[in-house]
mmCIF file of all heavy atoms, coordinates in Angstrom:
data_MODEL
# 
_entry.id   MODEL 
# 
loop_
_atom_site.group_PDB 
_atom_site.id 
_atom_site.type_symbol 
_atom_site.label_atom_id 
_atom_site.label_alt_id 
_atom_site.label_comp_id 
_atom_site.label_asym_id 
_atom_site.label_entity_id 
_atom_site.label_seq_id 
_atom_site.pdbx_PDB_ins_code 
_atom_site.Cartn_x 
_atom_site.Cartn_y 
_atom_site.Cartn_z 
_atom_site.occupancy 
_atom_site.B_iso_or_equiv 
_atom_site.pdbx_formal_charge 
_atom_site.auth_seq_id 
_atom_site.auth_comp_id 
_atom_site.auth_asym_id 
_atom_site.auth_atom_id 
_atom_site.pdbx_PDB_model_num 
ATOM 1   N N   . LEU A 1 1  ? 0.830   -1.202 -0.003  1.00 0.00 ? 1  LEU A N   1 
ATOM 2   C CA  . LEU A 1 1  ? 0.004   0.009  -0.005  1.00 0.00 ? 1  LEU A CA  1 
ATOM 3   C C   . LEU A 1 1  ? 0.865   1.248  -0.002  1.00 0.00 ? 1  LEU A C   1 
ATOM 4   O O   . LEU A 1 1  ? 0.603   2.212  -0.747  1.00 0.00 ? 1  LEU A O   1 
ATOM 5   C CB  . LEU A 1 1  ? -0.926  -0.005 1.228   1.00 0.00 ? 1  LEU A CB  1 
ATOM 6   C CG  . LEU A 1 1  ? -1.877  1.171  1.405   1.00 0.00 ? 1  LEU A CG  1 
ATOM 7   C CD1 . LEU A 1 1  ? -2.814  1.307  0.208   1.00 0.00 ? 1  LEU A CD1 1 
ATOM 8   C CD2 . LEU A 1 1  ? -2.684  1.033  2.702   1.00 0.00 ? 1  LEU A CD2 1 
ATOM 9   N N   . LYS A 1 2  ? 1.893   1.264  0.827   1.00 0.00 ? 2  LYS A N   1 
ATOM 10  C CA  . LYS A 1 2  ? 2.822   2.404  0.890   1.00 0.00 ? 2  LYS A CA  1 
ATOM 11  C C   . LYS A 1 2  ? 3.461   2.659  -0.469  1.00 0.00 ? 2  LYS A C   1 
ATOM 12  O O   . LYS A 1 2  ? 3.534   3.798  -0.941  1.00 0.00 ? 2  LYS A O   1 
ATOM 13  C CB  . LYS A 1 2  ? 3.877   2.160  1.950   1.00 0.00 ? 2  LYS A CB  1 
ATOM 14  C CG  . LYS A 1 2  ? 4.910   3.277  2.050   1.00 0.00 ? 2  LYS A CG  1 
ATOM 15  C CD  . LYS A 1 2  ? 5.935   2.976  3.135   1.00 0.00 ? 2  LYS A CD  1 
ATOM 16  C CE  . LYS A 1 2  ? 7.004   4.065  3.200   1.00 0.00 ? 2  LYS A CE  1 
ATOM 17  N NZ  . LYS A 1 2  ? 8.012   3.810  4.256   1.00 0.00 ? 2  LYS A NZ  1 
ATOM 18  N N   . SER A 1 3  ? 3.928   1.587  -1.099  1.00 0.00 ? 3  SER A N   1 
ATOM 19  C CA  . SER A 1 3  ? 4.597   1.698  -2.383  1.00 0.00 ? 3  SER A CA  1 
ATOM 20  C C   . SER A 1 3  ? 3.644   2.275  -3.434  1.00 0.00 ? 3  SER A C   1 
ATOM 21  O O   . SER A 1 3  ? 4.027   3.149  -4.236  1.00 0.00 ? 3  SER A O   1 
ATOM 22  C CB  . SER A 1 3  ? 5.088   0.329  -2.824  1.00 0.00 ? 3  SER A CB  1 
ATOM 23  O OG  . SER A 1 3  ? 5.670   0.381  -4.106  1.00 0.00 ? 3  SER A OG  1 
ATOM 24  N N   . HIS A 1 4  ? 2.391   1.820  -3.418  1.00 0.00 ? 4  HIS A N   1 
ATOM 25  C CA  . HIS A 1 4  ? 1.401   2.285  -4.391  1.00 0.00 ? 4  HIS A CA  1 
ATOM 26  C C   . HIS A 1 4  ? 1.056   3.765  -4.157  1.00 0.00 ? 4  HIS A C   1 
ATOM 27  O O   . HIS A 1 4  ? 0.954   4.555  -5.097  1.00 0.00 ? 4  HIS A O   1 
ATOM 28  C CB  . HIS A 1 4  ? 0.138   1.424  -4.311  1.00 0.00 ? 4  HIS A CB  1 
ATOM 29  C CG  . HIS A 1 4  ? -0.834  1.692  -5.416  1.00 0.00 ? 4  HIS A CG  1 
ATOM 30  N ND1 . HIS A 1 4  ? -2.194  1.530  -5.278  1.00 0.00 ? 4  HIS A ND1 1 
ATOM 31  C CD2 . HIS A 1 4  ? -0.658  2.133  -6.690  1.00 0.00 ? 4  HIS A CD2 1 
ATOM 32  C CE1 . HIS A 1 4  ? -2.785  1.840  -6.402  1.00 0.00 ? 4  HIS A CE1 1 
ATOM 33  N NE2 . HIS A 1 4  ? -1.880  2.212  -7.269  1.00 0.00 ? 4  HIS A NE2 1 
ATOM 34  N N   . ILE A 1 5  ? 0.923   4.136  -2.905  1.00 0.00 ? 5  ILE A N   1 
ATOM 35  C CA  . ILE A 1 5  ? 0.573   5.526  -2.583  1.00 0.00 ? 5  ILE A CA  1 
ATOM 36  C C   . ILE A 1 5  ? 1.686   6.482  -2.968  1.00 0.00 ? 5  ILE A C   1 
ATOM 37  O O   . ILE A 1 5  ? 1.424   7.574  -3.474  1.00 0.00 ? 5  ILE A O   1 
ATOM 38  C CB  . ILE A 1 5  ? 0.241   5.664  -1.088  1.00 0.00 ? 5  ILE A CB  1 
ATOM 39  C CG1 . ILE A 1 5  ? -1.083  4.963  -0.777  1.00 0.00 ? 5  ILE A CG1 1 
ATOM 40  C CG2 . ILE A 1 5  ? 0.140   7.151  -0.686  1.00 0.00 ? 5  ILE A CG2 1 
ATOM 41  C CD1 . ILE A 1 5  ? -1.467  4.955  0.700   1.00 0.00 ? 5  ILE A CD1 1 
ATOM 42  N N   . LEU A 1 6  ? 2.930   6.070  -2.783  1.00 0.00 ? 6  LEU A N   1 
ATOM 43  C CA  . LEU A 1 6  ? 4.070   6.927  -3.170  1.00 0.00 ? 6  LEU A CA  1 
ATOM 44  C C   . LEU A 1 6  ? 4.022   7.230  -4.676  1.00 0.00 ? 6  LEU A C   1 
ATOM 45  O O   . LEU A 1 6  ? 4.322   8.338  -5.102  1.00 0.00 ? 6  LEU A O   1 
ATOM 46  C CB  . LEU A 1 6  ? 5.384   6.243  -2.807  1.00 0.00 ? 6  LEU A CB  1 
ATOM 47  C CG  . LEU A 1 6  ? 5.735   6.226  -1.314  1.00 0.00 ? 6  LEU A CG  1 
ATOM 48  C CD1 . LEU A 1 6  ? 6.983   5.387  -1.073  1.00 0.00 ? 6  LEU A CD1 1 
ATOM 49  C CD2 . LEU A 1 6  ? 5.926   7.653  -0.788  1.00 0.00 ? 6  LEU A CD2 1 
ATOM 50  N N   . LYS A 1 7  ? 3.599   6.233  -5.460  1.00 0.00 ? 7  LYS A N   1 
ATOM 51  C CA  . LYS A 1 7  ? 3.466   6.453  -6.911  1.00 0.00 ? 7  LYS A CA  1 
ATOM 52  C C   . LYS A 1 7  ? 2.328   7.424  -7.200  1.00 0.00 ? 7  LYS A C   1 
ATOM 53  O O   . LYS A 1 7  ? 2.437   8.267  -8.101  1.00 0.00 ? 7  LYS A O   1 
ATOM 54  C CB  . LYS A 1 7  ? 3.219   5.115  -7.602  1.00 0.00 ? 7  LYS A CB  1 
ATOM 55  C CG  . LYS A 1 7  ? 4.403   4.148  -7.556  1.00 0.00 ? 7  LYS A CG  1 
ATOM 56  C CD  . LYS A 1 7  ? 4.059   2.820  -8.207  1.00 0.00 ? 7  LYS A CD  1 
ATOM 57  C CE  . LYS A 1 7  ? 5.233   1.840  -8.096  1.00 0.00 ? 7  LYS A CE  1 
ATOM 58  N NZ  . LYS A 1 7  ? 4.900   0.524  -8.672  1.00 0.00 ? 7  LYS A NZ  1 
ATOM 59  N N   . ILE A 1 8  ? 1.243   7.307  -6.446  1.00 0.00 ? 8  ILE A N   1 
ATOM 60  C CA  . ILE A 1 8  ? 0.098   8.204  -6.618  1.00 0.00 ? 8  ILE A CA  1 
ATOM 61  C C   . ILE A 1 8  ? 0.472   9.643  -6.278  1.00 0.00 ? 8  ILE A C   1 
ATOM 62  O O   . ILE A 1 8  ? 0.128   10.590 -6.987  1.00 0.00 ? 8  ILE A O   1 
ATOM 63  C CB  . ILE A 1 8  ? -1.097  7.746  -5.754  1.00 0.00 ? 8  ILE A CB  1 
ATOM 64  C CG1 . ILE A 1 8  ? -1.628  6.396  -6.242  1.00 0.00 ? 8  ILE A CG1 1 
ATOM 65  C CG2 . ILE A 1 8  ? -2.221  8.784  -5.765  1.00 0.00 ? 8  ILE A CG2 1 
ATOM 66  C CD1 . ILE A 1 8  ? -2.654  5.760  -5.331  1.00 0.00 ? 8  ILE A CD1 1 
ATOM 67  N N   . LEU A 1 9  ? 1.210   9.808  -5.192  1.00 0.00 ? 9  LEU A N   1 
ATOM 68  C CA  . LEU A 1 9  ? 1.652   11.146 -4.765  1.00 0.00 ? 9  LEU A CA  1 
ATOM 69  C C   . LEU A 1 9  ? 2.504   11.814 -5.838  1.00 0.00 ? 9  LEU A C   1 
ATOM 70  O O   . LEU A 1 9  ? 2.353   13.010 -6.120  1.00 0.00 ? 9  LEU A O   1 
ATOM 71  C CB  . LEU A 1 9  ? 2.455   11.051 -3.451  1.00 0.00 ? 9  LEU A CB  1 
ATOM 72  C CG  . LEU A 1 9  ? 1.710   10.554 -2.228  1.00 0.00 ? 9  LEU A CG  1 
ATOM 73  C CD1 . LEU A 1 9  ? 2.636   10.470 -1.042  1.00 0.00 ? 9  LEU A CD1 1 
ATOM 74  C CD2 . LEU A 1 9  ? 0.520   11.462 -1.893  1.00 0.00 ? 9  LEU A CD2 1 
ATOM 75  N N   . GLU A 1 10 ? 3.370   11.014 -6.449  1.00 0.00 ? 10 GLU A N   1 
ATOM 76  C CA  . GLU A 1 10 ? 4.225   11.547 -7.512  1.00 0.00 ? 10 GLU A CA  1 
ATOM 77  C C   . GLU A 1 10 ? 3.398   11.894 -8.754  1.00 0.00 ? 10 GLU A C   1 
ATOM 78  O O   . GLU A 1 10 ? 3.601   12.945 -9.392  1.00 0.00 ? 10 GLU A O   1 
ATOM 79  C CB  . GLU A 1 10 ? 5.298   10.517 -7.874  1.00 0.00 ? 10 GLU A CB  1 
ATOM 80  C CG  . GLU A 1 10 ? 6.302   11.006 -8.899  1.00 0.00 ? 10 GLU A CG  1 
ATOM 81  C CD  . GLU A 1 10 ? 7.380   9.979  -9.190  1.00 0.00 ? 10 GLU A CD  1 
ATOM 82  O OE1 . GLU A 1 10 ? 7.381   8.915  -8.556  1.00 0.00 ? 10 GLU A OE1 1 
ATOM 83  O OE2 . GLU A 1 10 ? 8.209   10.247 -10.089 1.00 0.00 ? 10 GLU A OE2 1 
ATOM 84  N N   . LEU A 1 11 ? 2.456   11.039 -9.087  1.00 0.00 ? 11 LEU A N   1 
ATOM 85  C CA  . LEU A 1 11 ? 1.619   11.254 -10.243 1.00 0.00 ? 11 LEU A CA  1 
ATOM 86  C C   . LEU A 1 11 ? 0.711   12.471 -10.108 1.00 0.00 ? 11 LEU A C   1 
ATOM 87  O O   . LEU A 1 11 ? 0.524   13.241 -11.050 1.00 0.00 ? 11 LEU A O   1 
ATOM 88  C CB  . LEU A 1 11 ? 0.774   10.003 -10.499 1.00 0.00 ? 11 LEU A CB  1 
ATOM 89  C CG  . LEU A 1 11 ? -0.129  9.977  -11.738 1.00 0.00 ? 11 LEU A CG  1 
ATOM 90  C CD1 . LEU A 1 11 ? 0.730   9.994  -12.993 1.00 0.00 ? 11 LEU A CD1 1 
ATOM 91  C CD2 . LEU A 1 11 ? -1.040  8.759  -11.738 1.00 0.00 ? 11 LEU A CD2 1 
ATOM 92  N N   . GLU A 1 12 ? 0.183   12.659 -8.907  1.00 0.00 ? 12 GLU A N   1 
ATOM 93  C CA  . GLU A 1 12 ? -0.768  13.741 -8.662  1.00 0.00 ? 12 GLU A CA  1 
ATOM 94  C C   . GLU A 1 12 ? -0.099  15.025 -8.165  1.00 0.00 ? 12 GLU A C   1 
ATOM 95  O O   . GLU A 1 12 ? -0.756  16.036 -7.957  1.00 0.00 ? 12 GLU A O   1 
ATOM 96  C CB  . GLU A 1 12 ? -1.813  13.298 -7.626  1.00 0.00 ? 12 GLU A CB  1 
ATOM 97  C CG  . GLU A 1 12 ? -2.722  12.186 -8.089  1.00 0.00 ? 12 GLU A CG  1 
ATOM 98  C CD  . GLU A 1 12 ? -3.663  12.598 -9.207  1.00 0.00 ? 12 GLU A CD  1 
ATOM 99  O OE1 . GLU A 1 12 ? -3.899  13.811 -9.376  1.00 0.00 ? 12 GLU A OE1 1 
ATOM 100 O OE2 . GLU A 1 12 ? -4.146  11.729 -9.926  1.00 0.00 ? 12 GLU A OE2 1 
ATOM 101 N N   . HIS A 1 13 ? 1.201   14.981 -7.974  1.00 0.00 ? 13 HIS A N   1 
ATOM 102 C CA  . HIS A 1 13 ? 1.969   16.140 -7.470  1.00 0.00 ? 13 HIS A CA  1 
ATOM 103 C C   . HIS A 1 13 ? 1.364   16.673 -6.184  1.00 0.00 ? 13 HIS A C   1 
ATOM 104 O O   . HIS A 1 13 ? 1.078   17.857 -6.037  1.00 0.00 ? 13 HIS A O   1 
ATOM 105 C CB  . HIS A 1 13 ? 2.004   17.251 -8.544  1.00 0.00 ? 13 HIS A CB  1 
ATOM 106 C CG  . HIS A 1 13 ? 2.543   16.800 -9.854  1.00 0.00 ? 13 HIS A CG  1 
ATOM 107 N ND1 . HIS A 1 13 ? 3.877   16.491 -10.056 1.00 0.00 ? 13 HIS A ND1 1 
ATOM 108 C CD2 . HIS A 1 13 ? 1.933   16.585 -11.041 1.00 0.00 ? 13 HIS A CD2 1 
ATOM 109 C CE1 . HIS A 1 13 ? 4.074   16.121 -11.297 1.00 0.00 ? 13 HIS A CE1 1 
ATOM 110 N NE2 . HIS A 1 13 ? 2.910   16.176 -11.927 1.00 0.00 ? 13 HIS A NE2 1 
ATOM 111 N N   . THR A 1 14 ? 1.159   15.784 -5.231  1.00 0.00 ? 14 THR A N   1 
ATOM 112 C CA  . THR A 1 14 ? 0.604   16.171 -3.945  1.00 0.00 ? 14 THR A CA  1 
ATOM 113 C C   . THR A 1 14 ? 1.379   15.451 -2.843  1.00 0.00 ? 14 THR A C   1 
ATOM 114 O O   . THR A 1 14 ? 2.287   14.629 -3.133  1.00 0.00 ? 14 THR A O   1 
ATOM 115 C CB  . THR A 1 14 ? -0.894  15.816 -3.859  1.00 0.00 ? 14 THR A CB  1 
ATOM 116 O OG1 . THR A 1 14 ? -1.430  16.320 -2.648  1.00 0.00 ? 14 THR A OG1 1 
ATOM 117 C CG2 . THR A 1 14 ? -1.103  14.318 -3.924  1.00 0.00 ? 14 THR A CG2 1 
ATOM 118 N N   . ASP A 1 15 ? 1.061   15.745 -1.586  1.00 0.00 ? 15 ASP A N   1 
ATOM 119 C CA  . ASP A 1 15 ? 1.822   15.129 -0.494  1.00 0.00 ? 15 ASP A CA  1 
ATOM 120 C C   . ASP A 1 15 ? 0.970   14.260 0.443   1.00 0.00 ? 15 ASP A C   1 
ATOM 121 O O   . ASP A 1 15 ? 1.479   13.651 1.361   1.00 0.00 ? 15 ASP A O   1 
ATOM 122 C CB  . ASP A 1 15 ? 2.525   16.194 0.339   1.00 0.00 ? 15 ASP A CB  1 
ATOM 123 C CG  . ASP A 1 15 ? 1.557   17.195 0.967   1.00 0.00 ? 15 ASP A CG  1 
ATOM 124 O OD1 . ASP A 1 15 ? 0.388   17.244 0.510   1.00 0.00 ? 15 ASP A OD1 1 
ATOM 125 O OD2 . ASP A 1 15 ? 1.953   17.919 1.881   1.00 0.00 ? 15 ASP A OD2 1 
ATOM 126 N N   . LYS A 1 16 ? -0.361  14.181 0.153   1.00 0.00 ? 16 LYS A N   1 
ATOM 127 C CA  . LYS A 1 16 ? -1.231  13.359 1.026   1.00 0.00 ? 16 LYS A CA  1 
ATOM 128 C C   . LYS A 1 16 ? -2.337  12.719 0.224   1.00 0.00 ? 16 LYS A C   1 
ATOM 129 O O   . LYS A 1 16 ? -2.639  13.105 -0.905  1.00 0.00 ? 16 LYS A O   1 
ATOM 130 C CB  . LYS A 1 16 ? -1.844  14.244 2.113   1.00 0.00 ? 16 LYS A CB  1 
ATOM 131 C CG  . LYS A 1 16 ? -0.875  14.738 3.155   1.00 0.00 ? 16 LYS A CG  1 
ATOM 132 C CD  . LYS A 1 16 ? -1.601  15.449 4.291   1.00 0.00 ? 16 LYS A CD  1 
ATOM 133 C CE  . LYS A 1 16 ? -0.633  15.914 5.359   1.00 0.00 ? 16 LYS A CE  1 
ATOM 134 N NZ  . LYS A 1 16 ? -1.288  16.512 6.529   1.00 0.00 ? 16 LYS A NZ  1 
ATOM 135 N N   . VAL A 1 17 ? -2.953  11.707 0.853   1.00 0.00 ? 17 VAL A N   1 
ATOM 136 C CA  . VAL A 1 17 ? -4.129  11.038 0.266   1.00 0.00 ? 17 VAL A CA  1 
ATOM 137 C C   . VAL A 1 17 ? -5.179  10.845 1.363   1.00 0.00 ? 17 VAL A C   1 
ATOM 138 O O   . VAL A 1 17 ? -4.884  10.907 2.547   1.00 0.00 ? 17 VAL A O   1 
ATOM 139 C CB  . VAL A 1 17 ? -3.779  9.662  -0.350  1.00 0.00 ? 17 VAL A CB  1 
ATOM 140 C CG1 . VAL A 1 17 ? -2.827  9.806  -1.506  1.00 0.00 ? 17 VAL A CG1 1 
ATOM 141 C CG2 . VAL A 1 17 ? -3.230  8.721  0.726   1.00 0.00 ? 17 VAL A CG2 1 
ATOM 142 N N   . ASN A 1 18 ? -6.404  10.612 0.933   1.00 0.00 ? 18 ASN A N   1 
ATOM 143 C CA  . ASN A 1 18 ? -7.492  10.197 1.820   1.00 0.00 ? 18 ASN A CA  1 
ATOM 144 C C   . ASN A 1 18 ? -7.705  8.707  1.640   1.00 0.00 ? 18 ASN A C   1 
ATOM 145 O O   . ASN A 1 18 ? -7.902  8.257  0.514   1.00 0.00 ? 18 ASN A O   1 
ATOM 146 C CB  . ASN A 1 18 ? -8.790  10.933 1.486   1.00 0.00 ? 18 ASN A CB  1 
ATOM 147 C CG  . ASN A 1 18 ? -8.691  12.425 1.740   1.00 0.00 ? 18 ASN A CG  1 
ATOM 148 O OD1 . ASN A 1 18 ? -8.489  12.869 2.871   1.00 0.00 ? 18 ASN A OD1 1 
ATOM 149 N ND2 . ASN A 1 18 ? -8.832  13.221 0.688   1.00 0.00 ? 18 ASN A ND2 1 
ATOM 150 N N   . LEU A 1 19 ? -7.663  7.958  2.718   1.00 0.00 ? 19 LEU A N   1 
ATOM 151 C CA  . LEU A 1 19 ? -7.848  6.511  2.640   1.00 0.00 ? 19 LEU A CA  1 
ATOM 152 C C   . LEU A 1 19 ? -9.260  6.092  3.027   1.00 0.00 ? 19 LEU A C   1 
ATOM 153 O O   . LEU A 1 19 ? -9.754  6.521  4.075   1.00 0.00 ? 19 LEU A O   1 
ATOM 154 C CB  . LEU A 1 19 ? -6.854  5.787  3.554   1.00 0.00 ? 19 LEU A CB  1 
ATOM 155 C CG  . LEU A 1 19 ? -5.358  5.965  3.238   1.00 0.00 ? 19 LEU A CG  1 
ATOM 156 C CD1 . LEU A 1 19 ? -4.534  5.233  4.286   1.00 0.00 ? 19 LEU A CD1 1 
ATOM 157 C CD2 . LEU A 1 19 ? -5.028  5.437  1.848   1.00 0.00 ? 19 LEU A CD2 1 
ATOM 158 N N   . ILE A 1 20 ? -9.913  5.296  2.212   1.00 0.00 ? 20 ILE A N   1 
ATOM 159 C CA  . ILE A 1 20 ? -11.195 4.677  2.554   1.00 0.00 ? 20 ILE A CA  1 
ATOM 160 C C   . ILE A 1 20 ? -10.943 3.171  2.496   1.00 0.00 ? 20 ILE A C   1 
ATOM 161 O O   . ILE A 1 20 ? -10.743 2.601  1.426   1.00 0.00 ? 20 ILE A O   1 
ATOM 162 C CB  . ILE A 1 20 ? -12.303 5.083  1.580   1.00 0.00 ? 20 ILE A CB  1 
ATOM 163 C CG1 . ILE A 1 20 ? -12.524 6.602  1.617   1.00 0.00 ? 20 ILE A CG1 1 
ATOM 164 C CG2 . ILE A 1 20 ? -13.607 4.364  1.920   1.00 0.00 ? 20 ILE A CG2 1 
ATOM 165 C CD1 . ILE A 1 20 ? -13.579 7.100  0.644   1.00 0.00 ? 20 ILE A CD1 1 
ATOM 166 N N   . ALA A 1 21 ? -10.920 2.554  3.662   1.00 0.00 ? 21 ALA A N   1 
ATOM 167 C CA  . ALA A 1 21 ? -10.496 1.150  3.754   1.00 0.00 ? 21 ALA A CA  1 
ATOM 168 C C   . ALA A 1 21 ? -11.609 0.251  4.222   1.00 0.00 ? 21 ALA A C   1 
ATOM 169 O O   . ALA A 1 21 ? -12.253 0.514  5.240   1.00 0.00 ? 21 ALA A O   1 
ATOM 170 C CB  . ALA A 1 21 ? -9.276  1.038  4.668   1.00 0.00 ? 21 ALA A CB  1 
ATOM 171 N N   . HIS A 1 22 ? -11.804 -0.847 3.511   1.00 0.00 ? 22 HIS A N   1 
ATOM 172 C CA  . HIS A 1 22 ? -12.839 -1.806 3.868   1.00 0.00 ? 22 HIS A CA  1 
ATOM 173 C C   . HIS A 1 22 ? -12.221 -3.022 4.559   1.00 0.00 ? 22 HIS A C   1 
ATOM 174 O O   . HIS A 1 22 ? -11.173 -3.522 4.160   1.00 0.00 ? 22 HIS A O   1 
ATOM 175 C CB  . HIS A 1 22 ? -13.605 -2.262 2.626   1.00 0.00 ? 22 HIS A CB  1 
ATOM 176 C CG  . HIS A 1 22 ? -14.599 -3.358 2.888   1.00 0.00 ? 22 HIS A CG  1 
ATOM 177 N ND1 . HIS A 1 22 ? -14.456 -4.633 2.405   1.00 0.00 ? 22 HIS A ND1 1 
ATOM 178 C CD2 . HIS A 1 22 ? -15.736 -3.362 3.651   1.00 0.00 ? 22 HIS A CD2 1 
ATOM 179 C CE1 . HIS A 1 22 ? -15.468 -5.393 2.812   1.00 0.00 ? 22 HIS A CE1 1 
ATOM 180 N NE2 . HIS A 1 22 ? -16.250 -4.642 3.568   1.00 0.00 ? 22 HIS A NE2 1 
ATOM 181 N N   . SER A 1 23 ? -12.873 -3.477 5.626   1.00 0.00 ? 23 SER A N   1 
ATOM 182 C CA  . SER A 1 23 ? -12.484 -4.713 6.328   1.00 0.00 ? 23 SER A CA  1 
ATOM 183 C C   . SER A 1 23 ? -10.997 -4.704 6.706   1.00 0.00 ? 23 SER A C   1 
ATOM 184 O O   . SER A 1 23 ? -10.508 -3.753 7.289   1.00 0.00 ? 23 SER A O   1 
ATOM 185 C CB  . SER A 1 23 ? -12.842 -5.913 5.454   1.00 0.00 ? 23 SER A CB  1 
ATOM 186 O OG  . SER A 1 23 ? -12.724 -7.117 6.175   1.00 0.00 ? 23 SER A OG  1 
ATOM 187 N N   . LYS A 1 24 ? -10.258 -5.754 6.349   1.00 0.00 ? 24 LYS A N   1 
ATOM 188 C CA  . LYS A 1 24 ? -8.845  -5.856 6.718   1.00 0.00 ? 24 LYS A CA  1 
ATOM 189 C C   . LYS A 1 24 ? -8.029  -4.717 6.145   1.00 0.00 ? 24 LYS A C   1 
ATOM 190 O O   . LYS A 1 24 ? -6.935  -4.392 6.656   1.00 0.00 ? 24 LYS A O   1 
ATOM 191 C CB  . LYS A 1 24 ? -8.288  -7.203 6.263   1.00 0.00 ? 24 LYS A CB  1 
ATOM 192 C CG  . LYS A 1 24 ? -6.794  -7.385 6.517   1.00 0.00 ? 24 LYS A CG  1 
ATOM 193 C CD  . LYS A 1 24 ? -6.323  -8.733 6.043   1.00 0.00 ? 24 LYS A CD  1 
ATOM 194 C CE  . LYS A 1 24 ? -4.806  -8.804 6.007   1.00 0.00 ? 24 LYS A CE  1 
ATOM 195 N NZ  . LYS A 1 24 ? -4.240  -7.996 4.903   1.00 0.00 ? 24 LYS A NZ  1 
ATOM 196 N N   . GLY A 1 25 ? -8.519  -4.085 5.108   1.00 0.00 ? 25 GLY A N   1 
ATOM 197 C CA  . GLY A 1 25 ? -7.800  -2.948 4.519   1.00 0.00 ? 25 GLY A CA  1 
ATOM 198 C C   . GLY A 1 25 ? -7.563  -1.840 5.532   1.00 0.00 ? 25 GLY A C   1 
ATOM 199 O O   . GLY A 1 25 ? -6.585  -1.098 5.455   1.00 0.00 ? 25 GLY A O   1 
ATOM 200 N N   . GLY A 1 26 ? -8.470  -1.747 6.526   1.00 0.00 ? 26 GLY A N   1 
ATOM 201 C CA  . GLY A 1 26 ? -8.292  -0.757 7.582   1.00 0.00 ? 26 GLY A CA  1 
ATOM 202 C C   . GLY A 1 26 ? -7.104  -1.083 8.469   1.00 0.00 ? 26 GLY A C   1 
ATOM 203 O O   . GLY A 1 26 ? -6.379  -0.210 8.933   1.00 0.00 ? 26 GLY A O   1 
ATOM 204 N N   . LEU A 1 27 ? -6.882  -2.395 8.727   1.00 0.00 ? 27 LEU A N   1 
ATOM 205 C CA  . LEU A 1 27 ? -5.747  -2.841 9.529   1.00 0.00 ? 27 LEU A CA  1 
ATOM 206 C C   . LEU A 1 27 ? -4.442  -2.616 8.763   1.00 0.00 ? 27 LEU A C   1 
ATOM 207 O O   . LEU A 1 27 ? -3.438  -2.202 9.348   1.00 0.00 ? 27 LEU A O   1 
ATOM 208 C CB  . LEU A 1 27 ? -5.899  -4.322 9.893   1.00 0.00 ? 27 LEU A CB  1 
ATOM 209 C CG  . LEU A 1 27 ? -7.181  -4.708 10.634  1.00 0.00 ? 27 LEU A CG  1 
ATOM 210 C CD1 . LEU A 1 27 ? -7.166  -6.208 10.955  1.00 0.00 ? 27 LEU A CD1 1 
ATOM 211 C CD2 . LEU A 1 27 ? -7.361  -3.893 11.902  1.00 0.00 ? 27 LEU A CD2 1 
# 
């Protein structure tokens, strides 16, 4: 998840994301 988000941050030229996590995704 961390690796994927780092790519998103670079792509979107931003420094944060909002996470919406279902079930184990929250853990």
